[in-house]
Amino acid sequence: MAAFGLFLLLSAAALASGYLQQVVQESLDLRPPNIQQVLQQEQDLEVPPDILVGGAMSPSSDPPVWGNALDGFPPAWPMAATITRHCQDPPTLPPPPLLPPTAFAHLRRQAAALAALQPRLNDCCRHHSPLPCARRAWTDVLDGFCTDEFGVKTRQFHCCRLSGAARRRCFAQETPTPTWDPVPTWNPNVAWELVSEPPFPPGEPTATNIGNICGLRALRPGPPGPGARSGPRVRLRVRLEREYGRCCRNESLSCAHSAWLKGLNRFCREEASVKTGQHRCCQRGGPKARGRCFAAAAPHPEYDRELHNVSLARPGPALLRSLCGPTRLFTQRRPVPELLGAMTAACCPLPPEERGVCAREQLSQGIATLCATPRDAWRDPQGCCSWEEPERRRCFDNAYLSQVTLGAALAPPPPGYEE
């Protein structure tokens, strides 16, 4: 009787368990709807070939994340040591990156630029001057890359929105380990170390010099670097240039004049607080008298110390040193901007001793190109292109290149200076 009761109890438990399992499956249907279909999908699963290593399964790597630039782009600025190594042991051209089949066209343009540079560098190894050749190749390839970038409507690589020296410096500094070794005049923060302390006192702002105050402001020295000498004169210059920057937003003469007077009054107070002798103008009896004294004592009252008339006819190292620093060209008549731009773009990256030859070559090439263009592109008002060499070059030198006005942070050599 006891055994029969135990049997009934176990049977009831089994029924309850089956009912509970049915309820759970109906409320939480965890079984796949079609087991056979799922198994078939697992059997047909395609494994990417890069996951199979030696016939065995290896853990899958994360998918590549494509950014704005490929590894190795932009290429490093050519250095003497790297070009020597390249020519002695030319590296094997790496295989092109496996880019996605769609989109990422900007990465394809970068890959094309990297591929184009390698044979150019190999050719430079047979050149009598491999380093200048390599730097020209680097510049040409990246300029071509930027031309392609602007041929599409997508956002361009940010360095391409610059031009000339600024573009090259931007690309060179974008490399993972920048190797930029330009001459000091290329870096405005360093260029000021080559500029003597500006003359003192600063001229009084007037209606005739406000254009130079604002137009040449970027060519005047900025704040001194860390550890540089400082004093009342330096602080006056820094404060005054800062105030001029605010006033030049609309070339306000009243703003500039007020900043000049306030700056000189503060300068005199600072000089009075030290034990050295005061400037003689600070000893005058009032603000107006002090102002007249300072205005009369200014060595460059027109703020034109950075303004120069130069001849580009026979450029040498001293002139190139100035042209490769911070400049602003005021002579905009053709063909001066084109010839000067081509000369500085090609020659400023070179060592100083190579710039003169480069500049003369660039001028000759630029003149030949201009004279080969249709007359409706450039009319040659002086008729220089109608001559044969050397009369053609002499005509260009006298008619177009002899009187060029520009602003330069580093003073060019005096007229007639032979290099």
Protein backbone atom coordinates (compact mmCIF):
# COMPACT_ATOMS: atom_id res chain seq x y z
CA MET A 1 0.00 0.00 0.00
CA ALA A 2 2.86 2.33 0.85
CA ALA A 3 4.58 1.53 -2.48
CA PHE A 4 1.40 2.31 -4.39
CA GLY A 5 1.13 5.71 -2.63
CA LEU A 6 4.73 6.53 -3.50
CA PHE A 7 4.03 5.68 -7.15
CA LEU A 8 1.05 8.05 -7.24
CA LEU A 9 3.13 10.83 -5.69
CA LEU A 10 5.94 10.46 -8.25
CA SER A 11 3.46 10.39 -11.12
CA ALA A 12 1.85 13.61 -9.96
CA ALA A 13 5.28 15.28 -9.70
CA ALA A 14 6.19 14.21 -13.22
CA LEU A 15 2.95 15.59 -14.61
CA ALA A 16 3.49 18.86 -12.79
CA SER A 17 7.04 19.11 -14.10
CA GLY A 18 5.90 18.50 -17.67
CA TYR A 19 3.20 21.11 -17.35
CA LEU A 20 5.66 23.65 -15.93
CA GLN A 21 8.15 23.01 -18.76
CA GLN A 22 5.35 23.51 -21.30
CA VAL A 23 4.33 26.78 -19.68
CA VAL A 24 7.93 28.09 -19.69
CA GLN A 25 8.46 27.16 -23.33
CA GLU A 26 5.21 28.85 -24.34
CA SER A 27 5.98 32.05 -22.44
CA LEU A 28 9.74 32.16 -23.19
CA ASP A 29 10.03 30.49 -26.54
CA LEU A 30 13.81 30.03 -26.52
CA ARG A 31 13.90 27.35 -29.17
CA PRO A 32 14.79 28.49 -32.69
CA PRO A 33 11.81 28.20 -35.05
CA ASN A 34 13.71 26.03 -37.51
CA ILE A 35 16.63 24.05 -36.14
CA GLN A 36 17.50 22.57 -39.52
CA GLN A 37 17.74 26.02 -41.15
CA VAL A 38 20.07 27.33 -38.45
CA LEU A 39 22.33 24.29 -38.71
CA GLN A 40 22.50 24.73 -42.49
CA GLN A 41 23.52 28.40 -42.06
CA GLU A 42 26.28 27.37 -39.68
CA GLN A 43 27.55 24.81 -42.16
CA ASP A 44 27.63 27.36 -45.01
CA LEU A 45 29.33 30.10 -42.95
CA GLU A 46 32.18 31.67 -44.97
CA VAL A 47 35.36 32.26 -42.98
CA PRO A 48 37.51 35.23 -44.12
CA PRO A 49 40.83 33.93 -45.45
CA ASP A 50 42.88 36.07 -43.05
CA ILE A 51 41.40 34.18 -40.10
CA LEU A 52 42.83 30.86 -41.31
CA VAL A 53 46.47 30.55 -40.29
CA GLY A 54 48.28 27.36 -41.31
CA GLY A 55 45.00 25.55 -41.77
CA ALA A 56 43.92 26.19 -38.19
CA MET A 57 41.43 28.62 -36.81
CA SER A 58 42.86 31.70 -35.09
CA PRO A 59 41.03 34.43 -33.21
CA SER A 60 39.59 37.06 -35.52
CA SER A 61 41.23 40.49 -35.41
CA ASP A 62 39.17 43.63 -35.11
CA PRO A 63 38.07 45.12 -38.44
CA PRO A 64 40.26 48.04 -39.59
CA VAL A 65 39.13 51.49 -38.66
CA TRP A 66 39.60 53.83 -41.61
CA GLY A 67 40.38 57.39 -40.62
CA ASN A 68 41.38 60.54 -42.45
CA ALA A 69 44.90 59.47 -43.38
CA LEU A 70 46.74 56.30 -44.30
CA ASP A 71 49.75 55.08 -42.35
CA GLY A 72 52.76 56.84 -43.84
CA PHE A 73 50.81 59.79 -45.22
CA PRO A 74 51.92 62.45 -45.62
CA PRO A 75 55.43 61.24 -46.45
CA ALA A 76 58.27 62.66 -44.40
CA TRP A 77 60.13 65.73 -45.58
CA PRO A 78 63.34 64.44 -47.27
CA MET A 79 66.43 64.73 -45.10
CA ALA A 80 70.05 64.28 -46.19
CA ALA A 81 70.55 61.13 -44.10
CA THR A 82 67.30 59.49 -45.22
CA ILE A 83 67.95 60.19 -48.91
CA THR A 84 71.48 58.78 -48.57
CA ARG A 85 70.08 55.59 -47.03
CA HIS A 86 67.37 55.44 -49.68
CA CYS A 87 69.91 55.63 -52.50
CA GLN A 88 72.29 53.12 -50.92
CA ASP A 89 69.58 50.61 -50.08
CA PRO A 90 66.33 51.42 -51.92
CA PRO A 91 63.37 50.19 -49.86
CA THR A 92 60.91 47.73 -51.32
CA LEU A 93 57.71 49.41 -52.36
CA PRO A 94 55.04 48.19 -49.91
CA PRO A 95 51.90 46.64 -51.37
CA PRO A 96 48.98 49.02 -51.75
CA PRO A 97 46.62 49.01 -48.79
CA LEU A 98 43.50 46.88 -49.01
CA LEU A 99 40.90 49.62 -48.98
CA PRO A 100 37.16 49.08 -48.85
CA PRO A 101 35.60 48.57 -52.31
CA THR A 102 33.37 51.61 -51.90
CA ALA A 103 33.84 55.09 -50.46
CA PHE A 104 37.14 56.23 -48.89
CA ALA A 105 38.25 57.91 -52.13
CA HIS A 106 40.38 60.30 -50.08
CA LEU A 107 42.48 57.34 -48.94
CA ARG A 108 42.92 56.20 -52.53
CA ARG A 109 44.27 59.63 -53.44
CA GLN A 110 46.72 59.39 -50.55
CA ALA A 111 47.81 55.92 -51.65
CA ALA A 112 48.33 57.21 -55.20
CA ALA A 113 50.51 60.04 -53.90
CA LEU A 114 52.66 57.66 -51.87
CA ALA A 115 53.03 55.37 -54.88
CA ALA A 116 53.97 58.30 -57.13
CA LEU A 117 56.70 59.54 -54.80
CA GLN A 118 58.72 56.30 -54.67
CA PRO A 119 59.88 56.23 -58.34
CA ARG A 120 60.57 59.97 -58.20
CA LEU A 121 62.93 59.41 -55.25
CA ASN A 122 64.61 56.54 -57.08
CA ASP A 123 65.24 58.83 -60.06
CA CYS A 124 66.73 61.46 -57.75
CA CYS A 125 69.41 58.98 -56.70
CA ARG A 126 70.85 59.34 -60.22
CA HIS A 127 70.73 63.13 -59.96
CA HIS A 128 73.89 65.13 -59.26
CA SER A 129 72.11 66.69 -56.25
CA PRO A 130 69.79 64.00 -54.82
CA LEU A 131 68.53 65.97 -51.82
CA PRO A 132 67.20 69.06 -53.68
CA CYS A 133 65.75 66.73 -56.30
CA ALA A 134 63.99 64.68 -53.61
CA ARG A 135 62.56 67.78 -51.98
CA ARG A 136 61.24 69.05 -55.29
CA ALA A 137 59.71 65.63 -55.91
CA TRP A 138 58.09 65.65 -52.46
CA THR A 139 56.67 69.11 -53.11
CA ASP A 140 55.44 68.24 -56.62
CA VAL A 141 53.72 65.04 -55.50
CA LEU A 142 51.89 66.70 -52.61
CA ASP A 143 50.92 69.69 -54.77
CA GLY A 144 49.51 67.20 -57.27
CA PHE A 145 47.68 65.45 -54.45
CA CYS A 146 46.12 68.77 -53.44
CA THR A 147 45.09 69.45 -57.03
CA ASP A 148 43.27 66.11 -57.04
CA GLU A 149 41.74 66.91 -53.65
CA PHE A 150 40.21 70.12 -54.99
CA GLY A 151 38.86 68.24 -57.99
CA VAL A 152 36.16 66.65 -55.85
CA LYS A 153 33.44 68.14 -53.72
CA THR A 154 34.43 66.46 -50.46
CA ARG A 155 36.40 68.17 -47.72
CA GLN A 156 40.07 68.43 -48.64
CA PHE A 157 43.08 67.45 -46.55
CA HIS A 158 43.57 70.46 -44.31
CA CYS A 159 47.15 71.22 -45.45
CA CYS A 160 45.88 71.65 -49.01
CA ARG A 161 43.96 74.75 -47.97
CA LEU A 162 47.33 76.46 -47.45
CA SER A 163 49.82 77.39 -50.13
CA GLY A 164 53.54 77.76 -50.67
CA ALA A 165 55.78 77.49 -47.64
CA ALA A 166 52.83 77.21 -45.25
CA ARG A 167 51.52 74.14 -47.09
CA ARG A 168 54.92 72.43 -47.09
CA ARG A 169 55.44 73.15 -43.42
CA CYS A 170 51.98 71.78 -42.62
CA PHE A 171 52.57 68.53 -44.51
CA ALA A 172 56.03 68.10 -43.00
CA GLN A 173 54.72 68.56 -39.49
CA GLU A 174 51.85 66.09 -40.05
CA THR A 175 54.19 63.10 -40.23
CA PRO A 176 54.23 60.83 -37.14
CA THR A 177 57.86 61.85 -36.50
CA PRO A 178 58.32 65.28 -38.09
CA THR A 179 61.69 65.75 -39.77
CA TRP A 180 61.36 69.32 -40.90
CA ASP A 181 64.70 71.07 -41.11
CA PRO A 182 64.11 74.31 -42.97
CA VAL A 183 66.33 77.32 -42.58
CA PRO A 184 65.32 79.48 -39.60
CA THR A 185 63.68 82.15 -41.75
CA TRP A 186 60.88 79.73 -42.59
CA ASN A 187 59.55 79.72 -39.06
CA PRO A 188 58.19 83.13 -38.05
CA ASN A 189 58.71 82.28 -34.38
CA VAL A 190 62.41 81.78 -35.09
CA ALA A 191 62.77 84.42 -37.76
CA TRP A 192 62.41 87.21 -35.25
CA GLU A 193 65.64 86.12 -33.60
CA LEU A 194 67.38 87.30 -36.76
CA VAL A 195 65.72 90.70 -36.61
CA SER A 196 67.36 93.43 -34.58
CA GLU A 197 65.30 95.10 -31.89
CA PRO A 198 62.84 97.49 -33.56
CA PRO A 199 63.80 101.15 -33.40
CA PHE A 200 62.57 103.21 -30.49
CA PRO A 201 60.38 105.19 -30.02
CA PRO A 202 57.48 104.10 -32.23
CA GLY A 203 56.11 106.76 -34.55
CA GLU A 204 52.90 108.63 -33.87
CA PRO A 205 49.92 107.15 -35.75
CA THR A 206 48.72 109.51 -38.47
CA ALA A 207 46.46 109.40 -41.49
CA THR A 208 49.50 108.81 -43.72
CA ASN A 209 51.02 105.91 -41.83
CA ILE A 210 47.98 104.00 -40.56
CA GLY A 211 48.12 101.88 -43.72
CA ASN A 212 51.67 100.78 -42.91
CA ILE A 213 50.84 100.29 -39.24
CA CYS A 214 48.18 97.77 -40.22
CA GLY A 215 49.50 96.47 -43.53
CA LEU A 216 53.00 95.63 -42.28
CA ARG A 217 52.05 94.61 -38.77
CA ALA A 218 52.47 90.87 -39.45
CA LEU A 219 56.09 91.49 -40.51
CA ARG A 220 57.11 93.25 -37.33
CA PRO A 221 58.56 91.21 -34.45
CA GLY A 222 56.11 89.50 -32.14
CA PRO A 223 56.49 88.83 -28.41
CA PRO A 224 59.99 87.72 -27.36
CA GLY A 225 60.55 84.04 -26.72
CA PRO A 226 61.10 82.43 -23.30
CA GLY A 227 64.24 83.70 -21.62
CA ALA A 228 64.59 86.68 -23.96
CA ARG A 229 65.48 90.09 -22.65
CA SER A 230 62.55 92.16 -21.45
CA GLY A 231 62.19 95.69 -20.21
CA PRO A 232 59.99 98.78 -20.51
CA ARG A 233 60.76 99.18 -24.23
CA VAL A 234 60.00 95.57 -25.08
CA ARG A 235 56.82 95.61 -23.03
CA LEU A 236 55.72 98.82 -24.74
CA ARG A 237 56.26 97.27 -28.17
CA VAL A 238 54.34 94.10 -27.28
CA ARG A 239 51.41 95.99 -25.74
CA LEU A 240 51.30 98.50 -28.58
CA GLU A 241 51.28 95.83 -31.29
CA ARG A 242 48.50 94.02 -29.46
CA GLU A 243 46.44 97.20 -29.33
CA TYR A 244 47.22 97.98 -32.96
CA GLY A 245 45.82 94.58 -33.86
CA ARG A 246 42.51 95.55 -32.30
CA CYS A 247 42.51 98.97 -33.95
CA CYS A 248 43.39 97.56 -37.37
CA ARG A 249 40.18 95.58 -37.62
CA ASN A 250 38.70 98.74 -39.13
CA GLU A 251 41.93 100.81 -39.43
CA SER A 252 40.75 103.21 -36.74
CA LEU A 253 43.23 106.08 -36.48
CA SER A 254 41.70 107.42 -33.25
CA CYS A 255 42.02 103.97 -31.66
CA ALA A 256 45.67 103.64 -32.72
CA HIS A 257 46.55 107.15 -31.56
CA SER A 258 44.95 106.61 -28.17
CA ALA A 259 46.81 103.30 -27.78
CA TRP A 260 50.09 105.05 -28.66
CA LEU A 261 49.61 107.82 -26.06
CA LYS A 262 48.55 105.39 -23.32
CA GLY A 263 51.44 103.10 -24.11
CA LEU A 264 54.03 105.88 -23.89
CA ASN A 265 52.59 107.19 -20.61
CA ARG A 266 52.80 103.71 -19.11
CA PHE A 267 56.34 103.36 -20.46
CA CYS A 268 57.37 106.53 -18.69
CA ARG A 269 55.83 105.33 -15.40
CA GLU A 270 57.72 102.05 -15.68
CA GLU A 271 60.97 103.85 -16.45
CA ALA A 272 60.46 106.09 -13.42
CA SER A 273 60.20 103.02 -11.19
CA VAL A 274 63.75 101.85 -11.98
CA LYS A 275 67.01 103.50 -11.00
CA THR A 276 68.36 103.92 -14.52
CA GLY A 277 68.08 107.19 -16.38
CA GLN A 278 64.74 107.98 -17.96
CA HIS A 279 64.24 108.66 -21.64
CA ARG A 280 64.51 112.39 -22.19
CA CYS A 281 60.96 112.63 -23.55
CA CYS A 282 59.58 111.20 -20.28
CA GLN A 283 60.98 114.26 -18.50
CA ARG A 284 58.74 116.64 -20.45
CA GLY A 285 56.03 118.40 -18.58
CA GLY A 286 52.78 116.73 -19.74
CA PRO A 287 51.24 114.07 -21.97
CA LYS A 288 51.03 116.33 -25.02
CA ALA A 289 54.60 117.57 -24.66
CA ARG A 290 55.84 114.03 -24.17
CA GLY A 291 53.87 112.91 -27.23
CA ARG A 292 55.40 115.63 -29.43
CA CYS A 293 58.87 114.73 -28.19
CA PHE A 294 58.43 111.01 -28.88
CA ALA A 295 56.94 111.71 -32.32
CA ALA A 296 59.91 113.87 -33.29
CA ALA A 297 62.40 111.26 -32.01
CA ALA A 298 60.92 108.30 -33.92
CA PRO A 299 63.50 106.99 -36.43
CA HIS A 300 60.79 105.45 -38.65
CA PRO A 301 57.75 107.72 -38.25
CA GLU A 302 56.03 106.16 -41.28
CA TYR A 303 56.33 102.59 -39.95
CA ASP A 304 58.05 101.67 -43.22
CA ARG A 305 61.13 99.89 -41.93
CA GLU A 306 59.84 96.59 -43.37
CA LEU A 307 59.00 98.15 -46.77
CA HIS A 308 61.62 97.65 -49.51
CA ASN A 309 62.17 98.12 -53.23
CA VAL A 310 64.20 95.22 -54.59
CA SER A 311 65.34 93.86 -57.94
CA LEU A 312 64.57 90.22 -58.68
CA ALA A 313 66.75 90.24 -61.79
CA ARG A 314 69.80 88.59 -60.19
CA PRO A 315 68.67 86.84 -57.00
CA GLY A 316 71.46 85.62 -54.76
CA PRO A 317 71.71 84.03 -51.28
CA ALA A 318 71.29 87.30 -49.36
CA LEU A 319 68.14 88.27 -51.28
CA LEU A 320 66.75 84.73 -51.04
CA ARG A 321 67.32 84.82 -47.29
CA SER A 322 64.95 87.78 -47.15
CA LEU A 323 62.45 86.42 -49.69
CA CYS A 324 62.24 83.09 -47.88
CA GLY A 325 61.27 84.79 -44.62
CA PRO A 326 57.90 86.38 -43.86
CA THR A 327 57.05 88.72 -46.75
CA ARG A 328 54.16 90.55 -48.34
CA LEU A 329 54.25 91.45 -52.03
CA PHE A 330 52.84 94.85 -52.96
CA THR A 331 53.79 94.84 -56.66
CA GLN A 332 50.92 92.89 -58.16
CA ARG A 333 51.50 93.65 -61.83
CA ARG A 334 52.10 90.55 -63.90
CA PRO A 335 54.34 88.63 -64.22
CA VAL A 336 55.95 89.50 -60.85
CA PRO A 337 53.61 87.44 -58.59
CA GLU A 338 53.93 84.34 -60.79
CA LEU A 339 57.71 84.50 -61.10
CA LEU A 340 58.32 85.31 -57.44
CA GLY A 341 55.93 82.57 -56.29
CA ALA A 342 57.57 79.93 -58.48
CA MET A 343 61.02 80.98 -57.31
CA THR A 344 60.28 80.87 -53.57
CA ALA A 345 58.22 77.67 -53.77
CA ALA A 346 60.99 75.74 -55.48
CA CYS A 347 64.09 77.30 -53.93
CA CYS A 348 63.32 78.18 -50.31
CA PRO A 349 63.35 74.53 -49.17
CA LEU A 350 66.94 74.19 -50.43
CA PRO A 351 70.11 74.85 -48.44
CA PRO A 352 71.14 78.54 -48.64
CA GLU A 353 74.13 77.85 -50.88
CA GLU A 354 71.89 76.23 -53.52
CA ARG A 355 69.15 78.83 -53.63
CA GLY A 356 70.81 81.32 -55.97
CA VAL A 357 71.28 78.82 -58.81
CA CYS A 358 67.77 77.48 -58.24
CA ALA A 359 66.25 80.97 -58.34
CA ARG A 360 67.94 81.84 -61.64
CA GLU A 361 66.79 78.55 -63.16
CA GLN A 362 63.24 79.14 -61.99
CA LEU A 363 63.20 82.65 -63.46
CA SER A 364 64.42 81.35 -66.82
CA GLN A 365 61.86 78.56 -66.85
CA GLY A 366 59.07 80.90 -65.75
CA ILE A 367 59.89 83.44 -68.46
CA ALA A 368 59.97 80.71 -71.12
CA THR A 369 56.58 79.44 -69.93
CA LEU A 370 55.04 82.91 -69.95
CA CYS A 371 56.27 83.63 -73.45
CA ALA A 372 54.80 80.32 -74.67
CA THR A 373 51.31 81.13 -73.38
CA PRO A 374 48.66 82.58 -75.72
CA ARG A 375 48.60 86.36 -75.87
CA ASP A 376 45.09 86.51 -74.42
CA ALA A 377 46.45 84.95 -71.20
CA TRP A 378 49.21 87.55 -70.78
CA ARG A 379 49.71 90.42 -73.19
CA ASP A 380 53.36 91.28 -72.33
CA PRO A 381 52.89 95.08 -72.48
CA GLN A 382 56.64 95.71 -72.84
CA GLY A 383 56.98 93.23 -75.71
CA CYS A 384 59.84 91.33 -74.10
CA CYS A 385 58.76 87.97 -75.49
CA SER A 386 59.33 89.16 -79.04
CA TRP A 387 63.08 89.15 -78.43
CA GLU A 388 65.44 86.21 -78.50
CA GLU A 389 67.79 85.37 -75.64
CA PRO A 390 69.72 87.06 -74.06
CA GLU A 391 67.84 90.24 -75.05
CA ARG A 392 64.57 88.73 -73.84
CA ARG A 393 65.94 88.14 -70.36
CA ARG A 394 67.48 91.61 -70.25
CA CYS A 395 64.11 93.09 -71.20
CA PHE A 396 62.34 91.17 -68.42
CA ASP A 397 64.97 92.25 -65.91
CA ASN A 398 64.63 95.92 -66.77
CA ALA A 399 60.90 96.14 -67.52
CA TYR A 400 59.36 93.81 -64.94
CA LEU A 401 61.83 92.66 -62.30
CA SER A 402 63.97 95.68 -61.47
CA GLN A 403 61.51 97.59 -59.26
CA VAL A 404 59.52 95.29 -57.01
CA THR A 405 57.96 96.61 -53.79
CA LEU A 406 57.47 94.20 -50.94
CA GLY A 407 57.41 94.01 -47.18
CA ALA A 408 59.99 91.74 -45.59
CA ALA A 409 60.68 90.88 -41.98
CA LEU A 410 64.35 90.33 -42.81
CA ALA A 411 65.89 93.28 -44.63
CA PRO A 412 67.12 92.46 -48.17
CA PRO A 413 70.63 93.44 -49.26
CA PRO A 414 71.14 97.07 -50.31
CA PRO A 415 70.78 97.94 -54.03
CA GLY A 416 73.83 96.98 -56.03
CA TYR A 417 75.01 94.48 -53.45
CA GLU A 418 77.02 91.76 -55.16
CA GLU A 419 76.76 88.23 -53.78
